[in-house]
């Protein structure tokens, strides 16, 4: 719990929580919904939202609902800038080849965070993957792909099985673990830097074999790793 004697820290913490709530929602939220998630009065949530909106960290959508804003992308680009910049051409190429949204996810204190994503220009019914989206590292193919490069146990039997299967196959697969009805395939992205990452796709249905998707991602991952070093 935030110390009540430190209102400035409490305000900052609540502002960060607004961003986390919106990133996890996968849809725009109303002021009342944000207030409910934070457990605060509507007026407090409104002040938080207005401040974040003024900095372009969130944006106002139709019907007075709010979603992560363009300012977050700018902040994300400053994190692991080389990885972000180098990944874009390879992500775009893979997205067009597979007809799926392709993205790089990184480990951020046991959470899987989308660093950069590219949607195919000519794809139909593609799934959006917003930069800044985060969820538990133990849920979804990207997180499992990252965990497959580590030693040690996660402490969860189901996750351990998924990690072991990913180590054996060289890729991870999931469906409905993060977003209901949405599948993901991911492979580890090996670089010499401190950040652990994976390259992945998200989609609803596909006639492509999972192995073919994984192979295309592996090719992209190797190209990115060579450029990043």
Foldseek 3Di string as FASTA:
>chain_A
DDDPVCVVVVLVVLLVVLQQCQLQPLDWAALVVSCVVSVHDSVSSVVSVVVCVVQQQWHADPPRTIHGGPNVLVVLCVPPVLLQVLLVVLQQVLQQVFLFKKFKWWDDPQKTFTSDIDHHPPHDPYDDDDGGRIDGLLFAFWSLQLVLVDDDDPPDPVSVVQNVVCVVLQKGKDACRRPHQKIKIWGWQDAPDPITMIMMTIGRDDPDDSSVSSVSRVVSSVSSRVSRD
